Amino acid sequence: MSYANYCQDLAAACARRARLASSPEIVAYCRTLELRWLKLAAQEQETGGALGHESGLTAASFPLHDKPAAYPAEYAKRAGELIARSARSLHRLR
C-alpha cells in the first residue's frame, strides 16, 4: 500500500465519522481532517512518493503516541479517541 492510498483510506474514515457524528462541531472537525488527508494524498501523488523528504521531516518530528499504532485497526481507534477528546474540549470552551 502506498502512502497516498493510506492517506485516502484515512480521509474515507474521517468522512464516515463525519456522517455518523451528531454534533456540528465534530462534523466540521472530521471534514477538516478529511480534507487534510486528501491534500496529503494529492501531494504524495504529485511528488511521486517524495513527500517530506526534501524538507528533512522524519516520523520522529511528529510524536503521536508513545507506542506506534498497528495499522489500521489501532490507528482508527486512536483517531476516534482524538476526535472524542477534541469534541470534549470544544464543549468546554463554550
PDB file of N, CA and C in Angstrom:
ATOM      1  N   MET A   1       0.843  -1.177   0.000  1.00  0.00           N
ATOM      2  CA  MET A   1       0.000   0.000   0.000  1.00  0.00           C
ATOM      3  C   MET A   1       0.886   1.237   0.000  1.00  0.00           C
ATOM      4  N   SER A   2       0.580   2.166  -0.871  1.00  0.00           N
ATOM      5  CA  SER A   2       1.367   3.393  -0.939  1.00  0.00           C
ATOM      6  C   SER A   2       0.889   4.378   0.128  1.00  0.00           C
ATOM      7  N   TYR A   3       1.713   5.369   0.372  1.00  0.00           N
ATOM      8  CA  TYR A   3       1.348   6.390   1.348  1.00  0.00           C
ATOM      9  C   TYR A   3       0.127   7.168   0.868  1.00  0.00           C
ATOM     10  N   ALA A   4       0.028   7.396  -0.435  1.00  0.00           N
ATOM     11  CA  ALA A   4      -1.137   8.099  -0.986  1.00  0.00           C
ATOM     12  C   ALA A   4      -2.412   7.303  -0.711  1.00  0.00           C
ATOM     13  N   ASN A   5      -2.362   5.986  -0.902  1.00  0.00           N
ATOM     14  CA  ASN A   5      -3.529   5.144  -0.615  1.00  0.00           C
ATOM     15  C   ASN A   5      -3.864   5.176   0.870  1.00  0.00           C
ATOM     16  N   TYR A   6      -2.841   5.159   1.690  1.00  0.00           N
ATOM     17  CA  TYR A   6      -3.020   5.225   3.143  1.00  0.00           C
ATOM     18  C   TYR A   6      -3.747   6.521   3.518  1.00  0.00           C
ATOM     19  N   CYS A   7      -3.316   7.647   2.940  1.00  0.00           N
ATOM     20  CA  CYS A   7      -3.945   8.935   3.216  1.00  0.00           C
ATOM     21  C   CYS A   7      -5.397   8.941   2.736  1.00  0.00           C
ATOM     22  N   GLN A   8      -5.643   8.355   1.580  1.00  0.00           N
ATOM     23  CA  GLN A   8      -7.005   8.287   1.060  1.00  0.00           C
ATOM     24  C   GLN A   8      -7.891   7.427   1.962  1.00  0.00           C
ATOM     25  N   ASP A   9      -7.347   6.343   2.475  1.00  0.00           N
ATOM     26  CA  ASP A   9      -8.111   5.499   3.402  1.00  0.00           C
ATOM     27  C   ASP A   9      -8.473   6.271   4.673  1.00  0.00           C
ATOM     28  N   LEU A  10      -7.530   7.039   5.188  1.00  0.00           N
ATOM     29  CA  LEU A  10      -7.802   7.825   6.390  1.00  0.00           C
ATOM     30  C   LEU A  10      -8.822   8.925   6.108  1.00  0.00           C
ATOM     31  N   ALA A  11      -8.759   9.513   4.922  1.00  0.00           N
ATOM     32  CA  ALA A  11      -9.755  10.515   4.534  1.00  0.00           C
ATOM     33  C   ALA A  11     -11.144   9.886   4.501  1.00  0.00           C
ATOM     34  N   ALA A  12     -11.243   8.680   3.965  1.00  0.00           N
ATOM     35  CA  ALA A  12     -12.531   7.976   3.917  1.00  0.00           C
ATOM     36  C   ALA A  12     -13.036   7.683   5.334  1.00  0.00           C
ATOM     37  N   ALA A  13     -12.129   7.326   6.233  1.00  0.00           N
ATOM     38  CA  ALA A  13     -12.524   7.066   7.621  1.00  0.00           C
ATOM     39  C   ALA A  13     -13.046   8.346   8.275  1.00  0.00           C
ATOM     40  N   CYS A  14     -12.412   9.460   8.002  1.00  0.00           N
ATOM     41  CA  CYS A  14     -12.880  10.744   8.553  1.00  0.00           C
ATOM     42  C   CYS A  14     -14.252  11.100   7.980  1.00  0.00           C
ATOM     43  N   ALA A  15     -14.462  10.828   6.703  1.00  0.00           N
ATOM     44  CA  ALA A  15     -15.763  11.100   6.086  1.00  0.00           C
ATOM     45  C   ALA A  15     -16.853  10.257   6.738  1.00  0.00           C
ATOM     46  N   ARG A  16     -16.539   8.991   7.028  1.00  0.00           N
ATOM     47  CA  ARG A  16     -17.507   8.118   7.710  1.00  0.00           C
ATOM     48  C   ARG A  16     -17.833   8.661   9.094  1.00  0.00           C
ATOM     49  N   ARG A  17     -16.805   9.088   9.815  1.00  0.00           N
ATOM     50  CA  ARG A  17     -17.031   9.640  11.157  1.00  0.00           C
ATOM     51  C   ARG A  17     -17.873  10.913  11.090  1.00  0.00           C
ATOM     52  N   ALA A  18     -17.647  11.722  10.070  1.00  0.00           N
ATOM     53  CA  ALA A  18     -18.439  12.951   9.912  1.00  0.00           C
ATOM     54  C   ALA A  18     -19.907  12.611   9.672  1.00  0.00           C
ATOM     55  N   ARG A  19     -20.156  11.569   8.863  1.00  0.00           N
ATOM     56  CA  ARG A  19     -21.541  11.177   8.594  1.00  0.00           C
ATOM     57  C   ARG A  19     -22.225  10.658   9.862  1.00  0.00           C
ATOM     58  N   LEU A  20     -21.463  10.033  10.745  1.00  0.00           N
ATOM     59  CA  LEU A  20     -22.032   9.447  11.956  1.00  0.00           C
ATOM     60  C   LEU A  20     -22.116  10.428  13.122  1.00  0.00           C
ATOM     61  N   ALA A  21     -21.415  11.539  13.026  1.00  0.00           N
ATOM     62  CA  ALA A  21     -21.352  12.494  14.137  1.00  0.00           C
ATOM     63  C   ALA A  21     -22.698  13.179  14.350  1.00  0.00           C
ATOM     64  N   SER A  22     -23.003  13.435  15.605  1.00  0.00           N
ATOM     65  CA  SER A  22     -24.261  14.106  15.937  1.00  0.00           C
ATOM     66  C   SER A  22     -24.051  15.601  16.178  1.00  0.00           C
ATOM     67  N   SER A  23     -22.847  15.997  16.436  1.00  0.00           N
ATOM     68  CA  SER A  23     -22.538  17.392  16.727  1.00  0.00           C
ATOM     69  C   SER A  23     -22.015  18.101  15.473  1.00  0.00           C
ATOM     70  N   PRO A  24     -22.500  19.300  15.185  1.00  0.00           N
ATOM     71  CA  PRO A  24     -21.990  20.052  14.029  1.00  0.00           C
ATOM     72  C   PRO A  24     -20.494  20.349  14.140  1.00  0.00           C
ATOM     73  N   GLU A  25     -20.023  20.539  15.389  1.00  0.00           N
ATOM     74  CA  GLU A  25     -18.600  20.807  15.579  1.00  0.00           C
ATOM     75  C   GLU A  25     -17.753  19.597  15.184  1.00  0.00           C
ATOM     76  N   ILE A  26     -18.215  18.405  15.547  1.00  0.00           N
ATOM     77  CA  ILE A  26     -17.490  17.186  15.216  1.00  0.00           C
ATOM     78  C   ILE A  26     -17.541  16.946  13.710  1.00  0.00           C
ATOM     79  N   VAL A  27     -18.680  17.216  13.101  1.00  0.00           N
ATOM     80  CA  VAL A  27     -18.791  17.072  11.649  1.00  0.00           C
ATOM     81  C   VAL A  27     -17.768  17.974  10.971  1.00  0.00           C
ATOM     82  N   ALA A  28     -17.703  19.229  11.411  1.00  0.00           N
ATOM     83  CA  ALA A  28     -16.755  20.181  10.826  1.00  0.00           C
ATOM     84  C   ALA A  28     -15.312  19.722  11.043  1.00  0.00           C
ATOM     85  N   TYR A  29     -15.010  19.251  12.246  1.00  0.00           N
ATOM     86  CA  TYR A  29     -13.659  18.785  12.550  1.00  0.00           C
ATOM     87  C   TYR A  29     -13.277  17.591  11.682  1.00  0.00           C
ATOM     88  N   CYS A  30     -14.187  16.635  11.546  1.00  0.00           N
ATOM     89  CA  CYS A  30     -13.913  15.448  10.727  1.00  0.00           C
ATOM     90  C   CYS A  30     -13.739  15.820   9.268  1.00  0.00           C
ATOM     91  N   ARG A  31     -14.548  16.745   8.788  1.00  0.00           N
ATOM     92  CA  ARG A  31     -14.414  17.184   7.393  1.00  0.00           C
ATOM     93  C   ARG A  31     -13.065  17.873   7.175  1.00  0.00           C
ATOM     94  N   THR A  32     -12.629  18.651   8.160  1.00  0.00           N
ATOM     95  CA  THR A  32     -11.323  19.305   8.065  1.00  0.00           C
ATOM     96  C   THR A  32     -10.210  18.261   7.982  1.00  0.00           C
ATOM     97  N   LEU A  33     -10.298  17.252   8.842  1.00  0.00           N
ATOM     98  CA  LEU A  33      -9.300  16.181   8.800  1.00  0.00           C
ATOM     99  C   LEU A  33      -9.340  15.440   7.466  1.00  0.00           C
ATOM    100  N   GLU A  34     -10.554  15.189   6.974  1.00  0.00           N
ATOM    101  CA  GLU A  34     -10.701  14.504   5.686  1.00  0.00           C
ATOM    102  C   GLU A  34      -9.993  15.292   4.583  1.00  0.00           C
ATOM    103  N   LEU A  35     -10.199  16.600   4.554  1.00  0.00           N
ATOM    104  CA  LEU A  35      -9.569  17.427   3.518  1.00  0.00           C
ATOM    105  C   LEU A  35      -8.055  17.450   3.667  1.00  0.00           C
ATOM    106  N   ARG A  36      -7.563  17.444   4.891  1.00  0.00           N
ATOM    107  CA  ARG A  36      -6.102  17.404   5.111  1.00  0.00           C
ATOM    108  C   ARG A  36      -5.503  16.108   4.573  1.00  0.00           C
ATOM    109  N   TRP A  37      -6.174  14.971   4.857  1.00  0.00           N
ATOM    110  CA  TRP A  37      -5.675  13.689   4.360  1.00  0.00           C
ATOM    111  C   TRP A  37      -5.711  13.641   2.841  1.00  0.00           C
ATOM    112  N   LEU A  38      -6.778  14.189   2.248  1.00  0.00           N
ATOM    113  CA  LEU A  38      -6.864  14.205   0.783  1.00  0.00           C
ATOM    114  C   LEU A  38      -5.778  15.090   0.181  1.00  0.00           C
ATOM    115  N   LYS A  39      -5.486  16.205   0.848  1.00  0.00           N
ATOM    116  CA  LYS A  39      -4.412  17.085   0.375  1.00  0.00           C
ATOM    117  C   LYS A  39      -3.062  16.376   0.444  1.00  0.00           C
ATOM    118  N   LEU A  40      -2.819  15.665   1.540  1.00  0.00           N
ATOM    119  CA  LEU A  40      -1.575  14.898   1.653  1.00  0.00           C
ATOM    120  C   LEU A  40      -1.478  13.826   0.576  1.00  0.00           C
ATOM    121  N   ALA A  41      -2.593  13.148   0.290  1.00  0.00           N
ATOM    122  CA  ALA A  41      -2.598  12.125  -0.750  1.00  0.00           C
ATOM    123  C   ALA A  41      -2.272  12.741  -2.098  1.00  0.00           C
ATOM    124  N   ALA A  42      -2.852  13.900  -2.392  1.00  0.00           N
ATOM    125  CA  ALA A  42      -2.586  14.576  -3.661  1.00  0.00           C
ATOM    126  C   ALA A  42      -1.124  15.013  -3.754  1.00  0.00           C
ATOM    127  N   GLN A  43      -0.597  15.547  -2.653  1.00  0.00           N
ATOM    128  CA  GLN A  43       0.819  15.956  -2.648  1.00  0.00           C
ATOM    129  C   GLN A  43       1.727  14.758  -2.856  1.00  0.00           C
ATOM    130  N   GLU A  44       1.399  13.652  -2.242  1.00  0.00           N
ATOM    131  CA  GLU A  44       2.202  12.440  -2.377  1.00  0.00           C
ATOM    132  C   GLU A  44       2.204  11.968  -3.830  1.00  0.00           C
ATOM    133  N   GLN A  45       1.045  12.020  -4.469  1.00  0.00           N
ATOM    134  CA  GLN A  45       0.965  11.595  -5.867  1.00  0.00           C
ATOM    135  C   GLN A  45       1.722  12.551  -6.775  1.00  0.00           C
ATOM    136  N   GLU A  46       1.667  13.853  -6.489  1.00  0.00           N
ATOM    137  CA  GLU A  46       2.367  14.843  -7.303  1.00  0.00           C
ATOM    138  C   GLU A  46       3.883  14.715  -7.187  1.00  0.00           C
ATOM    139  N   THR A  47       4.359  14.394  -5.993  1.00  0.00           N
ATOM    140  CA  THR A  47       5.803  14.320  -5.779  1.00  0.00           C
ATOM    141  C   THR A  47       6.365  12.942  -6.076  1.00  0.00           C
ATOM    142  N   GLY A  48       5.501  12.008  -6.399  1.00  0.00           N
ATOM    143  CA  GLY A  48       5.974  10.661  -6.717  1.00  0.00           C
ATOM    144  C   GLY A  48       6.544   9.927  -5.522  1.00  0.00           C
ATOM    145  N   GLY A  49       6.028  10.198  -4.351  1.00  0.00           N
ATOM    146  CA  GLY A  49       6.481   9.485  -3.162  1.00  0.00           C
ATOM    147  C   GLY A  49       7.582  10.189  -2.410  1.00  0.00           C
ATOM    148  N   ALA A  50       7.872  11.433  -2.764  1.00  0.00           N
ATOM    149  CA  ALA A  50       8.961  12.157  -2.101  1.00  0.00           C
ATOM    150  C   ALA A  50       8.462  13.120  -1.043  1.00  0.00           C
ATOM    151  N   LEU A  51       7.230  12.980  -0.637  1.00  0.00           N
ATOM    152  CA  LEU A  51       6.641  13.891   0.334  1.00  0.00           C
ATOM    153  C   LEU A  51       7.428  13.884   1.640  1.00  0.00           C
ATOM    154  N   GLY A  52       7.878  15.066   2.050  1.00  0.00           N
ATOM    155  CA  GLY A  52       8.600  15.206   3.308  1.00  0.00           C
ATOM    156  C   GLY A  52      10.093  14.938   3.208  1.00  0.00           C
ATOM    157  N   HIS A  53      10.566  14.355   2.114  1.00  0.00           N
ATOM    158  CA  HIS A  53      11.986  14.017   2.030  1.00  0.00           C
ATOM    159  C   HIS A  53      12.860  15.247   1.830  1.00  0.00           C
ATOM    160  N   GLU A  54      12.401  16.205   1.038  1.00  0.00           N
ATOM    161  CA  GLU A  54      13.211  17.386   0.780  1.00  0.00           C
ATOM    162  C   GLU A  54      13.329  18.277   2.007  1.00  0.00           C
ATOM    163  N   SER A  55      12.288  18.336   2.810  1.00  0.00           N
ATOM    164  CA  SER A  55      12.322  19.223   3.967  1.00  0.00           C
ATOM    165  C   SER A  55      13.045  18.598   5.157  1.00  0.00           C
ATOM    166  N   GLY A  56      13.405  17.335   5.039  1.00  0.00           N
ATOM    167  CA  GLY A  56      14.112  16.678   6.125  1.00  0.00           C
ATOM    168  C   GLY A  56      13.210  16.228   7.255  1.00  0.00           C
ATOM    169  N   LEU A  57      11.912  16.172   7.026  1.00  0.00           N
ATOM    170  CA  LEU A  57      10.991  15.740   8.070  1.00  0.00           C
ATOM    171  C   LEU A  57      11.133  14.247   8.304  1.00  0.00           C
ATOM    172  N   THR A  58      10.993  13.866   9.540  1.00  0.00           N
ATOM    173  CA  THR A  58      11.038  12.451   9.884  1.00  0.00           C
ATOM    174  C   THR A  58       9.843  12.121  10.742  1.00  0.00           C
ATOM    175  N   ALA A  59       9.583  10.864  10.908  1.00  0.00           N
ATOM    176  CA  ALA A  59       8.471  10.445  11.759  1.00  0.00           C
ATOM    177  C   ALA A  59       8.674  10.916  13.193  1.00  0.00           C
ATOM    178  N   ALA A  60       9.918  11.051  13.622  1.00  0.00           N
ATOM    179  CA  ALA A  60      10.195  11.492  14.985  1.00  0.00           C
ATOM    180  C   ALA A  60       9.801  12.951  15.200  1.00  0.00           C
ATOM    181  N   SER A  61       9.614  13.709  14.111  1.00  0.00           N
ATOM    182  CA  SER A  61       9.208  15.103  14.240  1.00  0.00           C
ATOM    183  C   SER A  61       7.781  15.242  14.731  1.00  0.00           C
ATOM    184  N   PHE A  62       6.998  14.186  14.597  1.00  0.00           N
ATOM    185  CA  PHE A  62       5.591  14.239  14.941  1.00  0.00           C
ATOM    186  C   PHE A  62       5.225  13.107  15.888  1.00  0.00           C
ATOM    187  N   PRO A  63       5.657  13.153  17.135  1.00  0.00           N
ATOM    188  CA  PRO A  63       5.325  12.061  18.051  1.00  0.00           C
ATOM    189  C   PRO A  63       3.840  12.082  18.375  1.00  0.00           C
ATOM    190  N   LEU A  64       3.123  11.052  17.951  1.00  0.00           N
ATOM    191  CA  LEU A  64       1.697  10.990  18.179  1.00  0.00           C
ATOM    192  C   LEU A  64       1.341  10.166  19.403  1.00  0.00           C
ATOM    193  N   HIS A  65       2.176   9.216  19.753  1.00  0.00           N
ATOM    194  CA  HIS A  65       1.860   8.333  20.856  1.00  0.00           C
ATOM    195  C   HIS A  65       3.145   7.651  21.280  1.00  0.00           C
ATOM    196  N   ASP A  66       3.200   7.181  22.511  1.00  0.00           N
ATOM    197  CA  ASP A  66       4.406   6.520  22.985  1.00  0.00           C
ATOM    198  C   ASP A  66       4.631   5.169  22.314  1.00  0.00           C
ATOM    199  N   LYS A  67       3.577   4.550  21.814  1.00  0.00           N
ATOM    200  CA  LYS A  67       3.681   3.252  21.151  1.00  0.00           C
ATOM    201  C   LYS A  67       3.066   3.375  19.760  1.00  0.00           C
ATOM    202  N   PRO A  68       3.783   2.983  18.715  1.00  0.00           N
ATOM    203  CA  PRO A  68       3.209   3.107  17.373  1.00  0.00           C
ATOM    204  C   PRO A  68       1.962   2.239  17.213  1.00  0.00           C
ATOM    205  N   ALA A  69       0.993   2.756  16.471  1.00  0.00           N
ATOM    206  CA  ALA A  69      -0.256   2.040  16.243  1.00  0.00           C
ATOM    207  C   ALA A  69      -0.062   0.961  15.191  1.00  0.00           C
ATOM    208  N   ALA A  70      -0.711  -0.153  15.408  1.00  0.00           N
ATOM    209  CA  ALA A  70      -0.727  -1.198  14.393  1.00  0.00           C
ATOM    210  C   ALA A  70      -1.741  -0.784  13.335  1.00  0.00           C
ATOM    211  N   TYR A  71      -1.344  -0.774  12.116  1.00  0.00           N
ATOM    212  CA  TYR A  71      -2.214  -0.320  11.024  1.00  0.00           C
ATOM    213  C   TYR A  71      -3.209  -1.391  10.663  1.00  0.00           C
ATOM    214  N   PRO A  72      -4.461  -1.100  10.352  1.00  0.00           N
ATOM    215  CA  PRO A  72      -5.183   0.160  10.520  1.00  0.00           C
ATOM    216  C   PRO A  72      -6.093   0.179  11.739  1.00  0.00           C
ATOM    217  N   ALA A  73      -6.309  -0.961  12.375  1.00  0.00           N
ATOM    218  CA  ALA A  73      -7.315  -1.037  13.443  1.00  0.00           C
ATOM    219  C   ALA A  73      -6.984  -0.133  14.622  1.00  0.00           C
ATOM    220  N   GLU A  74      -5.762  -0.198  15.119  1.00  0.00           N
ATOM    221  CA  GLU A  74      -5.410   0.644  16.262  1.00  0.00           C
ATOM    222  C   GLU A  74      -5.407   2.109  15.882  1.00  0.00           C
ATOM    223  N   TYR A  75      -5.004   2.406  14.645  1.00  0.00           N
ATOM    224  CA  TYR A  75      -4.997   3.799  14.226  1.00  0.00           C
ATOM    225  C   TYR A  75      -6.411   4.367  14.248  1.00  0.00           C
ATOM    226  N   ALA A  76      -7.360   3.616  13.729  1.00  0.00           N
ATOM    227  CA  ALA A  76      -8.747   4.077  13.703  1.00  0.00           C
ATOM    228  C   ALA A  76      -9.258   4.306  15.122  1.00  0.00           C
ATOM    229  N   LYS A  77      -8.890   3.415  16.035  1.00  0.00           N
ATOM    230  CA  LYS A  77      -9.312   3.567  17.428  1.00  0.00           C
ATOM    231  C   LYS A  77      -8.719   4.846  18.020  1.00  0.00           C
ATOM    232  N   ARG A  78      -7.435   5.068  17.771  1.00  0.00           N
ATOM    233  CA  ARG A  78      -6.789   6.272  18.305  1.00  0.00           C
ATOM    234  C   ARG A  78      -7.348   7.537  17.656  1.00  0.00           C
ATOM    235  N   ALA A  79      -7.642   7.464  16.367  1.00  0.00           N
ATOM    236  CA  ALA A  79      -8.234   8.628  15.695  1.00  0.00           C
ATOM    237  C   ALA A  79      -9.580   8.954  16.323  1.00  0.00           C
ATOM    238  N   GLY A  80     -10.362   7.920  16.606  1.00  0.00           N
ATOM    239  CA  GLY A  80     -11.647   8.138  17.271  1.00  0.00           C
ATOM    240  C   GLY A  80     -11.482   8.755  18.645  1.00  0.00           C
ATOM    241  N   GLU A  81     -10.475   8.297  19.377  1.00  0.00           N
ATOM    242  CA  GLU A  81     -10.218   8.853  20.699  1.00  0.00           C
ATOM    243  C   GLU A  81      -9.819  10.324  20.609  1.00  0.00           C
ATOM    244  N   LEU A  82      -8.996  10.662  19.609  1.00  0.00           N
ATOM    245  CA  LEU A  82      -8.585  12.054  19.427  1.00  0.00           C
ATOM    246  C   LEU A  82      -9.775  12.927  19.053  1.00  0.00           C
ATOM    247  N   ILE A  83     -10.649  12.415  18.207  1.00  0.00           N
ATOM    248  CA  ILE A  83     -11.839  13.171  17.822  1.00  0.00           C
ATOM    249  C   ILE A  83     -12.728  13.394  19.038  1.00  0.00           C
ATOM    250  N   ALA A  84     -12.911  12.351  19.842  1.00  0.00           N
ATOM    251  CA  ALA A  84     -13.742  12.479  21.038  1.00  0.00           C
ATOM    252  C   ALA A  84     -13.125  13.481  22.018  1.00  0.00           C
ATOM    253  N   ARG A  85     -11.813  13.426  22.188  1.00  0.00           N
ATOM    254  CA  ARG A  85     -11.138  14.357  23.088  1.00  0.00           C
ATOM    255  C   ARG A  85     -11.295  15.791  22.583  1.00  0.00           C
ATOM    256  N   SER A  86     -11.181  15.980  21.270  1.00  0.00           N
ATOM    257  CA  SER A  86     -11.353  17.311  20.689  1.00  0.00           C
ATOM    258  C   SER A  86     -12.771  17.810  20.901  1.00  0.00           C
ATOM    259  N   ALA A  87     -13.738  16.911  20.761  1.00  0.00           N
ATOM    260  CA  ALA A  87     -15.133  17.294  20.965  1.00  0.00           C
ATOM    261  C   ALA A  87     -15.355  17.756  22.403  1.00  0.00           C
ATOM    262  N   ARG A  88     -14.780  17.017  23.354  1.00  0.00           N
ATOM    263  CA  ARG A  88     -14.934  17.414  24.757  1.00  0.00           C
ATOM    264  C   ARG A  88     -14.312  18.784  25.006  1.00  0.00           C
ATOM    265  N   SER A  89     -13.146  19.037  24.408  1.00  0.00           N
ATOM    266  CA  SER A  89     -12.507  20.329  24.627  1.00  0.00           C
ATOM    267  C   SER A  89     -13.294  21.451  23.962  1.00  0.00           C
ATOM    268  N   LEU A  90     -13.937  21.166  22.816  1.00  0.00           N
ATOM    269  CA  LEU A  90     -14.785  22.174  22.179  1.00  0.00           C
ATOM    270  C   LEU A  90     -15.965  22.526  23.072  1.00  0.00           C
ATOM    271  N   HIS A  91     -16.555  21.522  23.706  1.00  0.00           N
ATOM    272  CA  HIS A  91     -17.699  21.773  24.575  1.00  0.00           C
ATOM    273  C   HIS A  91     -17.290  22.536  25.823  1.00  0.00           C
ATOM    274  N   ARG A  92     -16.066  22.338  26.299  1.00  0.00           N
ATOM    275  CA  ARG A  92     -15.591  23.070  27.467  1.00  0.00           C
ATOM    276  C   ARG A  92     -15.373  24.547  27.157  1.00  0.00           C
ATOM    277  N   LEU A  93     -15.074  24.869  25.895  1.00  0.00           N
ATOM    278  CA  LEU A  93     -14.809  26.260  25.507  1.00  0.00           C
ATOM    279  C   LEU A  93     -16.070  27.093  25.428  1.00  0.00           C
ATOM    280  N   ARG A  94     -17.202  26.455  25.377  1.00  0.00           N
ATOM    281  CA  ARG A  94     -18.474  27.193  25.259  1.00  0.00           C
ATOM    282  C   ARG A  94     -18.825  27.921  26.493  1.00  0.00           C
TER     283      ARG A  94
END
